[in-house]
PDB file of N, CA and C in Angstrom:
ATOM      1  N   MET A   1     106.051 144.227  29.489  1.00  0.00           N
ATOM      2  CA  MET A   1     107.009 143.144  29.418  1.00  0.00           C
ATOM      3  C   MET A   1     106.256 141.835  29.472  1.00  0.00           C
ATOM      4  N   ALA A   2     106.635 140.935  28.637  1.00  0.00           N
ATOM      5  CA  ALA A   2     106.010 139.625  28.646  1.00  0.00           C
ATOM      6  C   ALA A   2     107.074 138.583  28.949  1.00  0.00           C
ATOM      7  N   TYR A   3     107.090 138.074  30.155  1.00  0.00           N
ATOM      8  CA  TYR A   3     108.061 137.076  30.565  1.00  0.00           C
ATOM      9  C   TYR A   3     107.283 135.858  31.033  1.00  0.00           C
ATOM     10  N   SER A   4     107.341 134.804  30.257  1.00  0.00           N
ATOM     11  CA  SER A   4     106.528 133.652  30.607  1.00  0.00           C
ATOM     12  C   SER A   4     107.351 132.440  31.019  1.00  0.00           C
ATOM     13  N   SER A   5     108.623 132.447  30.722  1.00  0.00           N
ATOM     14  CA  SER A   5     109.401 131.268  31.071  1.00  0.00           C
ATOM     15  C   SER A   5     110.727 131.657  31.701  1.00  0.00           C
ATOM     16  N   ARG A   6     111.341 130.694  32.352  1.00  0.00           N
ATOM     17  CA  ARG A   6     112.624 130.942  33.001  1.00  0.00           C
ATOM     18  C   ARG A   6     113.684 131.330  31.972  1.00  0.00           C
ATOM     19  N   SER A   7     113.663 130.700  30.793  1.00  0.00           N
ATOM     20  CA  SER A   7     114.651 131.044  29.773  1.00  0.00           C
ATOM     21  C   SER A   7     114.447 132.470  29.278  1.00  0.00           C
ATOM     22  N   ALA A   8     113.202 132.916  29.180  1.00  0.00           N
ATOM     23  CA  ALA A   8     112.948 134.293  28.770  1.00  0.00           C
ATOM     24  C   ALA A   8     113.398 135.256  29.853  1.00  0.00           C
ATOM     25  N   ARG A   9     113.255 134.888  31.115  1.00  0.00           N
ATOM     26  CA  ARG A   9     113.654 135.740  32.224  1.00  0.00           C
ATOM     27  C   ARG A   9     115.154 135.984  32.192  1.00  0.00           C
ATOM     28  N   ARG A  10     115.926 135.037  31.703  1.00  0.00           N
ATOM     29  CA  ARG A  10     117.381 135.170  31.691  1.00  0.00           C
ATOM     30  C   ARG A  10     117.921 135.490  30.306  1.00  0.00           C
ATOM     31  N   SER A  11     117.119 136.038  29.467  1.00  0.00           N
ATOM     32  CA  SER A  11     117.568 136.379  28.125  1.00  0.00           C
ATOM     33  C   SER A  11     118.670 137.416  28.172  1.00  0.00           C
ATOM     34  N   SER A  12     119.640 137.302  27.282  1.00  0.00           N
ATOM     35  CA  SER A  12     120.698 138.309  27.216  1.00  0.00           C
ATOM     36  C   SER A  12     120.359 139.385  26.190  1.00  0.00           C
ATOM     37  N   ASP A  13     119.252 139.231  25.482  1.00  0.00           N
ATOM     38  CA  ASP A  13     118.840 140.208  24.473  1.00  0.00           C
ATOM     39  C   ASP A  13     117.650 141.003  25.009  1.00  0.00           C
ATOM     40  N   VAL A  14     117.956 142.029  25.785  1.00  0.00           N
ATOM     41  CA  VAL A  14     116.918 142.834  26.407  1.00  0.00           C
ATOM     42  C   VAL A  14     116.865 144.184  25.722  1.00  0.00           C
ATOM     43  N   ALA A  15     115.703 144.551  25.261  1.00  0.00           N
ATOM     44  CA  ALA A  15     115.547 145.867  24.637  1.00  0.00           C
ATOM     45  C   ALA A  15     114.229 146.471  25.080  1.00  0.00           C
ATOM     46  N   ARG A  16     114.243 147.744  25.401  1.00  0.00           N
ATOM     47  CA  ARG A  16     113.045 148.488  25.769  1.00  0.00           C
ATOM     48  C   ARG A  16     112.919 149.595  24.743  1.00  0.00           C
ATOM     49  N   ALA A  17     112.083 149.398  23.765  1.00  0.00           N
ATOM     50  CA  ALA A  17     111.953 150.335  22.643  1.00  0.00           C
ATOM     51  C   ALA A  17     111.552 151.726  23.111  1.00  0.00           C
ATOM     52  N   GLY A  18     112.522 152.603  23.220  1.00  0.00           N
ATOM     53  CA  GLY A  18     112.269 154.003  23.517  1.00  0.00           C
ATOM     54  C   GLY A  18     111.882 154.345  24.943  1.00  0.00           C
ATOM     55  N   GLU A  19     111.677 153.368  25.806  1.00  0.00           N
ATOM     56  CA  GLU A  19     111.282 153.685  27.178  1.00  0.00           C
ATOM     57  C   GLU A  19     112.509 154.004  28.025  1.00  0.00           C
ATOM     58  N   VAL A  20     112.429 155.096  28.734  1.00  0.00           N
ATOM     59  CA  VAL A  20     113.515 155.519  29.619  1.00  0.00           C
ATOM     60  C   VAL A  20     113.223 154.975  31.014  1.00  0.00           C
ATOM     61  N   PRO A  21     114.211 154.332  31.654  1.00  0.00           N
ATOM     62  CA  PRO A  21     113.964 153.812  33.005  1.00  0.00           C
ATOM     63  C   PRO A  21     113.720 154.932  33.999  1.00  0.00           C
ATOM     64  N   HIS A  22     112.892 154.640  35.010  1.00  0.00           N
ATOM     65  CA  HIS A  22     112.602 155.605  36.067  1.00  0.00           C
ATOM     66  C   HIS A  22     113.791 155.764  37.000  1.00  0.00           C
ATOM     67  N   LEU A  23     114.553 154.696  37.188  1.00  0.00           N
ATOM     68  CA  LEU A  23     115.680 154.700  38.115  1.00  0.00           C
ATOM     69  C   LEU A  23     116.660 153.628  37.674  1.00  0.00           C
ATOM     70  N   VAL A  24     117.943 153.930  37.736  1.00  0.00           N
ATOM     71  CA  VAL A  24     118.984 152.954  37.404  1.00  0.00           C
ATOM     72  C   VAL A  24     120.014 152.961  38.532  1.00  0.00           C
ATOM     73  N   SER A  25     120.436 151.776  38.943  1.00  0.00           N
ATOM     74  CA  SER A  25     121.465 151.649  39.965  1.00  0.00           C
ATOM     75  C   SER A  25     122.491 150.632  39.480  1.00  0.00           C
ATOM     76  N   PHE A  26     123.726 150.734  39.966  1.00  0.00           N
ATOM     77  CA  PHE A  26     124.788 149.833  39.544  1.00  0.00           C
ATOM     78  C   PHE A  26     125.316 149.055  40.732  1.00  0.00           C
ATOM     79  N   GLY A  27     125.735 147.817  40.475  1.00  0.00           N
ATOM     80  CA  GLY A  27     126.265 146.988  41.547  1.00  0.00           C
ATOM     81  C   GLY A  27     126.638 145.613  41.044  1.00  0.00           C
ATOM     82  N   GLY A  28     126.326 144.592  41.839  1.00  0.00           N
ATOM     83  CA  GLY A  28     126.626 143.205  41.497  1.00  0.00           C
ATOM     84  C   GLY A  28     125.378 142.362  41.639  1.00  0.00           C
ATOM     85  N   VAL A  29     125.450 141.101  41.207  1.00  0.00           N
ATOM     86  CA  VAL A  29     124.261 140.253  41.201  1.00  0.00           C
ATOM     87  C   VAL A  29     124.625 138.788  41.417  1.00  0.00           C
ATOM     88  N   ARG A  30     123.697 138.040  41.995  1.00  0.00           N
ATOM     89  CA  ARG A  30     123.724 136.579  42.016  1.00  0.00           C
ATOM     90  C   ARG A  30     122.363 136.143  41.489  1.00  0.00           C
ATOM     91  N   ILE A  31     122.374 135.332  40.450  1.00  0.00           N
ATOM     92  CA  ILE A  31     121.127 134.883  39.819  1.00  0.00           C
ATOM     93  C   ILE A  31     120.941 133.398  40.080  1.00  0.00           C
ATOM     94  N   GLY A  32     119.703 133.008  40.363  1.00  0.00           N
ATOM     95  CA  GLY A  32     119.387 131.612  40.623  1.00  0.00           C
ATOM     96  C   GLY A  32     119.961 131.166  41.948  1.00  0.00           C
ATOM     97  N   HIS A  33     120.406 129.949  42.006  1.00  0.00           N
ATOM     98  CA  HIS A  33     120.945 129.381  43.242  1.00  0.00           C
ATOM     99  C   HIS A  33     122.473 129.429  43.218  1.00  0.00           C
ATOM    100  N   GLY A  34     123.009 130.624  42.990  1.00  0.00           N
ATOM    101  CA  GLY A  34     124.455 130.798  42.992  1.00  0.00           C
ATOM    102  C   GLY A  34     125.137 130.380  41.712  1.00  0.00           C
ATOM    103  N   LEU A  35     124.363 130.142  40.643  1.00  0.00           N
ATOM    104  CA  LEU A  35     124.959 129.696  39.393  1.00  0.00           C
ATOM    105  C   LEU A  35     125.681 130.819  38.660  1.00  0.00           C
ATOM    106  N   TYR A  36     125.268 132.053  38.884  1.00  0.00           N
ATOM    107  CA  TYR A  36     125.939 133.176  38.252  1.00  0.00           C
ATOM    108  C   TYR A  36     126.183 134.255  39.298  1.00  0.00           C
ATOM    109  N   ASN A  37     127.383 134.771  39.351  1.00  0.00           N
ATOM    110  CA  ASN A  37     127.733 135.836  40.291  1.00  0.00           C
ATOM    111  C   ASN A  37     128.520 136.919  39.565  1.00  0.00           C
ATOM    112  N   ALA A  38     128.263 138.175  39.895  1.00  0.00           N
ATOM    113  CA  ALA A  38     129.064 139.297  39.416  1.00  0.00           C
ATOM    114  C   ALA A  38     129.409 140.135  40.635  1.00  0.00           C
ATOM    115  N   ASN A  39     130.665 140.345  40.859  1.00  0.00           N
ATOM    116  CA  ASN A  39     131.152 141.056  42.027  1.00  0.00           C
ATOM    117  C   ASN A  39     130.649 142.502  42.039  1.00  0.00           C
ATOM    118  N   PRO A  40     130.051 142.955  43.147  1.00  0.00           N
ATOM    119  CA  PRO A  40     129.542 144.333  43.198  1.00  0.00           C
ATOM    120  C   PRO A  40     130.634 145.396  43.183  1.00  0.00           C
ATOM    121  N   LEU A  41     131.873 145.035  43.491  1.00  0.00           N
ATOM    122  CA  LEU A  41     132.948 146.022  43.501  1.00  0.00           C
ATOM    123  C   LEU A  41     133.223 146.591  42.114  1.00  0.00           C
ATOM    124  N   PHE A  42     132.947 145.804  41.079  1.00  0.00           N
ATOM    125  CA  PHE A  42     133.209 146.253  39.716  1.00  0.00           C
ATOM    126  C   PHE A  42     132.046 147.041  39.121  1.00  0.00           C
ATOM    127  N   ARG A  43     130.885 147.024  39.779  1.00  0.00           N
ATOM    128  CA  ARG A  43     129.694 147.745  39.324  1.00  0.00           C
ATOM    129  C   ARG A  43     129.405 147.481  37.845  1.00  0.00           C
ATOM    130  N   ALA A  44     129.508 146.219  37.447  1.00  0.00           N
ATOM    131  CA  ALA A  44     129.316 145.826  36.054  1.00  0.00           C
ATOM    132  C   ALA A  44     127.858 145.552  35.718  1.00  0.00           C
ATOM    133  N   VAL A  45     127.007 145.560  36.737  1.00  0.00           N
ATOM    134  CA  VAL A  45     125.600 145.191  36.564  1.00  0.00           C
ATOM    135  C   VAL A  45     124.716 146.391  36.871  1.00  0.00           C
ATOM    136  N   SER A  46     123.647 146.553  36.096  1.00  0.00           N
ATOM    137  CA  SER A  46     122.687 147.624  36.369  1.00  0.00           C
ATOM    138  C   SER A  46     121.331 147.030  36.696  1.00  0.00           C
ATOM    139  N   LEU A  47     120.586 147.726  37.514  1.00  0.00           N
ATOM    140  CA  LEU A  47     119.193 147.395  37.787  1.00  0.00           C
ATOM    141  C   LEU A  47     118.392 148.621  37.372  1.00  0.00           C
ATOM    142  N   ALA A  48     117.490 148.441  36.410  1.00  0.00           N
ATOM    143  CA  ALA A  48     116.704 149.555  35.871  1.00  0.00           C
ATOM    144  C   ALA A  48     115.223 149.313  36.133  1.00  0.00           C
ATOM    145  N   LEU A  49     114.552 150.293  36.744  1.00  0.00           N
ATOM    146  CA  LEU A  49     113.120 150.209  37.016  1.00  0.00           C
ATOM    147  C   LEU A  49     112.357 150.874  35.877  1.00  0.00           C
ATOM    148  N   TYR A  50     111.387 150.161  35.330  1.00  0.00           N
ATOM    149  CA  TYR A  50     110.529 150.661  34.262  1.00  0.00           C
ATOM    150  C   TYR A  50     109.090 150.739  34.771  1.00  0.00           C
ATOM    151  N   SER A  51     108.173 151.135  33.919  1.00  0.00           N
ATOM    152  CA  SER A  51     106.784 151.334  34.336  1.00  0.00           C
ATOM    153  C   SER A  51     106.108 150.044  34.783  1.00  0.00           C
ATOM    154  N   ASP A  52     106.423 148.909  34.163  1.00  0.00           N
ATOM    155  CA  ASP A  52     105.739 147.664  34.494  1.00  0.00           C
ATOM    156  C   ASP A  52     106.641 146.585  35.084  1.00  0.00           C
ATOM    157  N   GLY A  53     107.933 146.851  35.185  1.00  0.00           N
ATOM    158  CA  GLY A  53     108.840 145.853  35.718  1.00  0.00           C
ATOM    159  C   GLY A  53     110.261 146.377  35.766  1.00  0.00           C
ATOM    160  N   PHE A  54     111.205 145.467  35.983  1.00  0.00           N
ATOM    161  CA  PHE A  54     112.599 145.874  36.090  1.00  0.00           C
ATOM    162  C   PHE A  54     113.493 144.878  35.387  1.00  0.00           C
ATOM    163  N   ILE A  55     114.691 145.353  35.041  1.00  0.00           N
ATOM    164  CA  ILE A  55     115.676 144.528  34.357  1.00  0.00           C
ATOM    165  C   ILE A  55     117.006 144.655  35.087  1.00  0.00           C
ATOM    166  N   ILE A  56     117.614 143.512  35.362  1.00  0.00           N
ATOM    167  CA  ILE A  56     118.983 143.457  35.866  1.00  0.00           C
ATOM    168  C   ILE A  56     119.818 142.954  34.696  1.00  0.00           C
ATOM    169  N   GLY A  57     120.864 143.688  34.353  1.00  0.00           N
ATOM    170  CA  GLY A  57     121.668 143.282  33.207  1.00  0.00           C
ATOM    171  C   GLY A  57     123.009 143.976  33.169  1.00  0.00           C
ATOM    172  N   PRO A  58     123.757 143.778  32.084  1.00  0.00           N
ATOM    173  CA  PRO A  58     125.086 144.370  31.983  1.00  0.00           C
ATOM    174  C   PRO A  58     125.028 145.890  31.911  1.00  0.00           C
ATOM    175  N   ARG A  59     125.957 146.538  32.574  1.00  0.00           N
ATOM    176  CA  ARG A  59     126.019 147.997  32.572  1.00  0.00           C
ATOM    177  C   ARG A  59     126.453 148.518  31.203  1.00  0.00           C
ATOM    178  N   TYR A  60     127.337 147.796  30.560  1.00  0.00           N
ATOM    179  CA  TYR A  60     127.851 148.190  29.250  1.00  0.00           C
ATOM    180  C   TYR A  60     127.545 147.084  28.242  1.00  0.00           C
ATOM    181  N   PRO A  61     127.236 147.439  26.990  1.00  0.00           N
ATOM    182  CA  PRO A  61     126.916 146.422  25.976  1.00  0.00           C
ATOM    183  C   PRO A  61     128.016 145.381  25.792  1.00  0.00           C
ATOM    184  N   TRP A  62     129.265 145.765  25.908  1.00  0.00           N
ATOM    185  CA  TRP A  62     130.344 144.813  25.685  1.00  0.00           C
ATOM    186  C   TRP A  62     130.433 143.760  26.790  1.00  0.00           C
ATOM    187  N   LEU A  63     129.679 143.928  27.879  1.00  0.00           N
ATOM    188  CA  LEU A  63     129.637 142.925  28.940  1.00  0.00           C
ATOM    189  C   LEU A  63     128.497 141.918  28.770  1.00  0.00           C
ATOM    190  N   SER A  64     127.736 142.022  27.687  1.00  0.00           N
ATOM    191  CA  SER A  64     126.541 141.182  27.538  1.00  0.00           C
ATOM    192  C   SER A  64     126.844 139.686  27.483  1.00  0.00           C
ATOM    193  N   LYS A  65     128.017 139.301  27.045  1.00  0.00           N
ATOM    194  CA  LYS A  65     128.372 137.871  27.035  1.00  0.00           C
ATOM    195  C   LYS A  65     128.736 137.366  28.430  1.00  0.00           C
ATOM    196  N   ALA A  66     129.215 138.257  29.295  1.00  0.00           N
ATOM    197  CA  ALA A  66     129.644 137.854  30.631  1.00  0.00           C
ATOM    198  C   ALA A  66     128.578 138.070  31.697  1.00  0.00           C
ATOM    199  N   VAL A  67     127.662 139.019  31.471  1.00  0.00           N
ATOM    200  CA  VAL A  67     126.636 139.355  32.453  1.00  0.00           C
ATOM    201  C   VAL A  67     125.263 139.102  31.839  1.00  0.00           C
ATOM    202  N   PRO A  68     124.560 138.070  32.278  1.00  0.00           N
ATOM    203  CA  PRO A  68     123.232 137.810  31.719  1.00  0.00           C
ATOM    204  C   PRO A  68     122.207 138.833  32.217  1.00  0.00           C
ATOM    205  N   SER A  69     121.113 138.937  31.495  1.00  0.00           N
ATOM    206  CA  SER A  69     120.017 139.812  31.918  1.00  0.00           C
ATOM    207  C   SER A  69     118.963 138.984  32.637  1.00  0.00           C
ATOM    208  N   TRP A  70     118.296 139.619  33.591  1.00  0.00           N
ATOM    209  CA  TRP A  70     117.239 138.971  34.371  1.00  0.00           C
ATOM    210  C   TRP A  70     116.146 140.002  34.545  1.00  0.00           C
ATOM    211  N   MET A  71     114.917 139.632  34.312  1.00  0.00           N
ATOM    212  CA  MET A  71     113.830 140.601  34.337  1.00  0.00           C
ATOM    213  C   MET A  71     112.579 140.033  34.994  1.00  0.00           C
ATOM    214  N   ALA A  72     111.739 140.935  35.501  1.00  0.00           N
ATOM    215  CA  ALA A  72     110.476 140.522  36.111  1.00  0.00           C
ATOM    216  C   ALA A  72     109.505 141.688  36.104  1.00  0.00           C
ATOM    217  N   ARG A  73     108.230 141.357  36.052  1.00  0.00           N
ATOM    218  CA  ARG A  73     107.184 142.370  36.223  1.00  0.00           C
ATOM    219  C   ARG A  73     106.957 142.560  37.715  1.00  0.00           C
ATOM    220  N   TYR A  74     106.523 143.741  38.101  1.00  0.00           N
ATOM    221  CA  TYR A  74     106.271 144.008  39.522  1.00  0.00           C
ATOM    222  C   TYR A  74     105.195 143.078  40.071  1.00  0.00           C
ATOM    223  N   ASP A  75     104.169 142.773  39.257  1.00  0.00           N
ATOM    224  CA  ASP A  75     103.061 141.959  39.752  1.00  0.00           C
ATOM    225  C   ASP A  75     103.417 140.485  39.944  1.00  0.00           C
ATOM    226  N   GLU A  76     104.566 140.035  39.451  1.00  0.00           N
ATOM    227  CA  GLU A  76     104.937 138.634  39.649  1.00  0.00           C
ATOM    228  C   GLU A  76     105.934 138.438  40.786  1.00  0.00           C
ATOM    229  N   ILE A  77     106.328 139.506  41.471  1.00  0.00           N
ATOM    230  CA  ILE A  77     107.246 139.377  42.600  1.00  0.00           C
ATOM    231  C   ILE A  77     106.522 138.710  43.765  1.00  0.00           C
ATOM    232  N   VAL A  78     107.078 137.591  44.206  1.00  0.00           N
ATOM    233  CA  VAL A  78     106.507 136.852  45.325  1.00  0.00           C
ATOM    234  C   VAL A  78     106.947 137.485  46.637  1.00  0.00           C
ATOM    235  N   ALA A  79     108.227 137.840  46.725  1.00  0.00           N
ATOM    236  CA  ALA A  79     108.774 138.460  47.926  1.00  0.00           C
ATOM    237  C   ALA A  79     110.022 139.244  47.559  1.00  0.00           C
ATOM    238  N   MET A  80     110.274 140.280  48.351  1.00  0.00           N
ATOM    239  CA  MET A  80     111.489 141.073  48.190  1.00  0.00           C
ATOM    240  C   MET A  80     112.000 141.427  49.573  1.00  0.00           C
ATOM    241  N   TRP A  81     113.288 141.117  49.817  1.00  0.00           N
ATOM    242  CA  TRP A  81     113.870 141.375  51.117  1.00  0.00           C
ATOM    243  C   TRP A  81     115.091 142.265  50.989  1.00  0.00           C
ATOM    244  N   ALA A  82     115.294 143.113  51.991  1.00  0.00           N
ATOM    245  CA  ALA A  82     116.538 143.855  52.138  1.00  0.00           C
ATOM    246  C   ALA A  82     117.476 142.941  52.914  1.00  0.00           C
ATOM    247  N   THR A  83     118.633 142.622  52.350  1.00  0.00           N
ATOM    248  CA  THR A  83     119.575 141.724  53.005  1.00  0.00           C
ATOM    249  C   THR A  83     120.893 142.438  53.237  1.00  0.00           C
ATOM    250  N   GLY A  84     121.401 142.335  54.438  1.00  0.00           N
ATOM    251  CA  GLY A  84     122.639 143.018  54.766  1.00  0.00           C
ATOM    252  C   GLY A  84     122.480 144.524  54.644  1.00  0.00           C
ATOM    253  N   ARG A  85     123.573 145.207  54.346  1.00  0.00           N
ATOM    254  CA  ARG A  85     123.505 146.668  54.203  1.00  0.00           C
ATOM    255  C   ARG A  85     123.191 147.097  52.781  1.00  0.00           C
ATOM    256  N   ARG A  86     123.467 146.237  51.801  1.00  0.00           N
ATOM    257  CA  ARG A  86     123.329 146.666  50.406  1.00  0.00           C
ATOM    258  C   ARG A  86     122.529 145.725  49.521  1.00  0.00           C
ATOM    259  N   GLY A  87     122.074 144.609  50.042  1.00  0.00           N
ATOM    260  CA  GLY A  87     121.450 143.602  49.200  1.00  0.00           C
ATOM    261  C   GLY A  87     119.949 143.733  49.047  1.00  0.00           C
ATOM    262  N   ILE A  88     119.466 143.319  47.881  1.00  0.00           N
ATOM    263  CA  ILE A  88     118.038 143.202  47.589  1.00  0.00           C
ATOM    264  C   ILE A  88     117.832 141.804  47.026  1.00  0.00           C
ATOM    265  N   ASP A  89     117.052 140.998  47.708  1.00  0.00           N
ATOM    266  CA  ASP A  89     116.766 139.627  47.298  1.00  0.00           C
ATOM    267  C   ASP A  89     115.352 139.602  46.730  1.00  0.00           C
ATOM    268  N   VAL A  90     115.223 139.291  45.432  1.00  0.00           N
ATOM    269  CA  VAL A  90     113.930 139.287  44.746  1.00  0.00           C
ATOM    270  C   VAL A  90     113.570 137.862  44.392  1.00  0.00           C
ATOM    271  N   SER A  91     112.371 137.462  44.758  1.00  0.00           N
ATOM    272  CA  SER A  91     111.897 136.123  44.466  1.00  0.00           C
ATOM    273  C   SER A  91     110.644 136.191  43.600  1.00  0.00           C
ATOM    274  N   VAL A  92     110.672 135.443  42.492  1.00  0.00           N
ATOM    275  CA  VAL A  92     109.516 135.287  41.610  1.00  0.00           C
ATOM    276  C   VAL A  92     109.286 133.790  41.464  1.00  0.00           C
ATOM    277  N   PRO A  93     108.144 133.358  40.933  1.00  0.00           N
ATOM    278  CA  PRO A  93     107.941 131.912  40.796  1.00  0.00           C
ATOM    279  C   PRO A  93     109.093 131.241  40.044  1.00  0.00           C
ATOM    280  N   ASP A  94     109.693 130.245  40.638  1.00  0.00           N
ATOM    281  CA  ASP A  94     110.740 129.415  40.038  1.00  0.00           C
ATOM    282  C   ASP A  94     112.089 130.091  39.836  1.00  0.00           C
ATOM    283  N   ASP A  95     112.311 131.262  40.392  1.00  0.00           N
ATOM    284  CA  ASP A  95     113.610 131.898  40.201  1.00  0.00           C
ATOM    285  C   ASP A  95     113.814 133.000  41.228  1.00  0.00           C
ATOM    286  N   ARG A  96     115.046 133.475  41.343  1.00  0.00           N
ATOM    287  CA  ARG A  96     115.349 134.578  42.254  1.00  0.00           C
ATOM    288  C   ARG A  96     116.647 135.240  41.838  1.00  0.00           C
ATOM    289  N   ALA A  97     116.829 136.467  42.310  1.00  0.00           N
ATOM    290  CA  ALA A  97     118.064 137.214  42.049  1.00  0.00           C
ATOM    291  C   ALA A  97     118.404 138.029  43.286  1.00  0.00           C
ATOM    292  N   LEU A  98     119.685 138.169  43.542  1.00  0.00           N
ATOM    293  CA  LEU A  98     120.180 138.991  44.636  1.00  0.00           C
ATOM    294  C   LEU A  98     121.047 140.074  44.015  1.00  0.00           C
ATOM    295  N   PHE A  99     120.658 141.337  44.246  1.00  0.00           N
ATOM    296  CA  PHE A  99     121.371 142.473  43.675  1.00  0.00           C
ATOM    297  C   PHE A  99     121.970 143.286  44.808  1.00  0.00           C
ATOM    298  N   TRP A 100     123.251 143.672  44.666  1.00  0.00           N
ATOM    299  CA  TRP A 100     123.922 144.498  45.663  1.00  0.00           C
ATOM    300  C   TRP A 100     124.141 145.885  45.098  1.00  0.00           C
ATOM    301  N   SER A 101     123.841 146.904  45.898  1.00  0.00           N
ATOM    302  CA  SER A 101     124.054 148.280  45.464  1.00  0.00           C
ATOM    303  C   SER A 101     124.239 149.192  46.670  1.00  0.00           C
ATOM    304  N   ALA A 102     125.113 150.170  46.521  1.00  0.00           N
ATOM    305  CA  ALA A 102     125.288 151.172  47.572  1.00  0.00           C
ATOM    306  C   ALA A 102     124.074 152.084  47.656  1.00  0.00           C
ATOM    307  N   ALA A 103     123.235 152.078  46.632  1.00  0.00           N
ATOM    308  CA  ALA A 103     122.045 152.946  46.576  1.00  0.00           C
ATOM    309  C   ALA A 103     120.768 152.173  46.878  1.00  0.00           C
ATOM    310  N   ARG A 104     120.840 151.219  47.822  1.00  0.00           N
ATOM    311  CA  ARG A 104     119.663 150.399  48.103  1.00  0.00           C
ATOM    312  C   ARG A 104     118.466 151.231  48.567  1.00  0.00           C
ATOM    313  N   SER A 105     118.682 152.280  49.344  1.00  0.00           N
ATOM    314  CA  SER A 105     117.545 153.081  49.808  1.00  0.00           C
ATOM    315  C   SER A 105     116.821 153.750  48.638  1.00  0.00           C
ATOM    316  N   ASN A 106     117.552 154.170  47.616  1.00  0.00           N
ATOM    317  CA  ASN A 106     116.911 154.735  46.417  1.00  0.00           C
ATOM    318  C   ASN A 106     116.097 153.675  45.690  1.00  0.00           C
ATOM    319  N   LEU A 107     116.653 152.465  45.586  1.00  0.00           N
ATOM    320  CA  LEU A 107     115.924 151.379  44.931  1.00  0.00           C
ATOM    321  C   LEU A 107     114.683 150.997  45.729  1.00  0.00           C
ATOM    322  N   GLU A 108     114.806 150.972  47.048  1.00  0.00           N
ATOM    323  CA  GLU A 108     113.658 150.651  47.902  1.00  0.00           C
ATOM    324  C   GLU A 108     112.524 151.642  47.654  1.00  0.00           C
ATOM    325  N   ALA A 109     112.849 152.938  47.580  1.00  0.00           N
ATOM    326  CA  ALA A 109     111.838 153.963  47.299  1.00  0.00           C
ATOM    327  C   ALA A 109     111.267 153.795  45.896  1.00  0.00           C
ATOM    328  N   GLY A 110     112.110 153.430  44.935  1.00  0.00           N
ATOM    329  CA  GLY A 110     111.641 153.215  43.568  1.00  0.00           C
ATOM    330  C   GLY A 110     110.680 152.046  43.460  1.00  0.00           C
ATOM    331  N   PHE A 111     111.012 150.926  44.112  1.00  0.00           N
ATOM    332  CA  PHE A 111     110.107 149.773  44.108  1.00  0.00           C
ATOM    333  C   PHE A 111     108.802 150.108  44.828  1.00  0.00           C
ATOM    334  N   LEU A 112     108.895 150.842  45.931  1.00  0.00           N
ATOM    335  CA  LEU A 112     107.701 151.221  46.682  1.00  0.00           C
ATOM    336  C   LEU A 112     106.769 152.081  45.812  1.00  0.00           C
ATOM    337  N   ALA A 113     107.329 152.947  44.983  1.00  0.00           N
ATOM    338  CA  ALA A 113     106.524 153.770  44.074  1.00  0.00           C
ATOM    339  C   ALA A 113     105.750 152.916  43.089  1.00  0.00           C
ATOM    340  N   HIS A 114     106.226 151.671  42.857  1.00  0.00           N
ATOM    341  CA  HIS A 114     105.529 150.741  41.960  1.00  0.00           C
ATOM    342  C   HIS A 114     104.707 149.719  42.742  1.00  0.00           C
ATOM    343  N   GLY A 115     104.534 149.942  44.019  1.00  0.00           N
ATOM    344  CA  GLY A 115     103.673 149.082  44.836  1.00  0.00           C
ATOM    345  C   GLY A 115     104.354 147.854  45.409  1.00  0.00           C
ATOM    346  N   VAL A 116     105.681 147.775  45.343  1.00  0.00           N
ATOM    347  CA  VAL A 116     106.399 146.630  45.867  1.00  0.00           C
ATOM    348  C   VAL A 116     107.077 147.026  47.182  1.00  0.00           C
ATOM    349  N   VAL A 117     106.698 146.357  48.261  1.00  0.00           N
ATOM    350  CA  VAL A 117     107.252 146.661  49.585  1.00  0.00           C
ATOM    351  C   VAL A 117     108.400 145.711  49.861  1.00  0.00           C
ATOM    352  N   MET A 118     109.536 146.266  50.265  1.00  0.00           N
ATOM    353  CA  MET A 118     110.704 145.473  50.583  1.00  0.00           C
ATOM    354  C   MET A 118     110.694 145.149  52.079  1.00  0.00           C
ATOM    355  N   GLU A 119     110.727 143.864  52.400  1.00  0.00           N
ATOM    356  CA  GLU A 119     110.761 143.433  53.789  1.00  0.00           C
ATOM    357  C   GLU A 119     112.194 143.423  54.279  1.00  0.00           C
ATOM    358  N   GLN A 120     112.390 143.584  55.576  1.00  0.00           N
ATOM    359  CA  GLN A 120     113.714 143.497  56.168  1.00  0.00           C
ATOM    360  C   GLN A 120     113.992 142.049  56.543  1.00  0.00           C
ATOM    361  N   ALA A 121     115.113 141.503  56.092  1.00  0.00           N
ATOM    362  CA  ALA A 121     115.453 140.098  56.357  1.00  0.00           C
ATOM    363  C   ALA A 121     116.038 139.941  57.746  1.00  0.00           C
TER     364      ALA A 121
END
């Protein structure tokens, strides 16, 4: 994945040519400083872990206009915190995302397999 700018990080046109994610979870998201929110009760957002990074985006293609995509490589994560019972707060240079999922422990193990340790907030 090549993500060099904030606009590229929030692209709504995300494609992974033939690569199958290692783990996918569904929930809600807050991107940036509260500028975009998707309620976790509707599970409209997915977080998919790939070999070199992860993508947060719409669960269904028809939601792509309402749910933006957000992506990062594992090596650019500045910090990652477990927040509350279901939250994951990811910080990269100049941006951040908060993802909520009932399967946070699975995601924590998935990130750890890629060398990213989640701190407890």
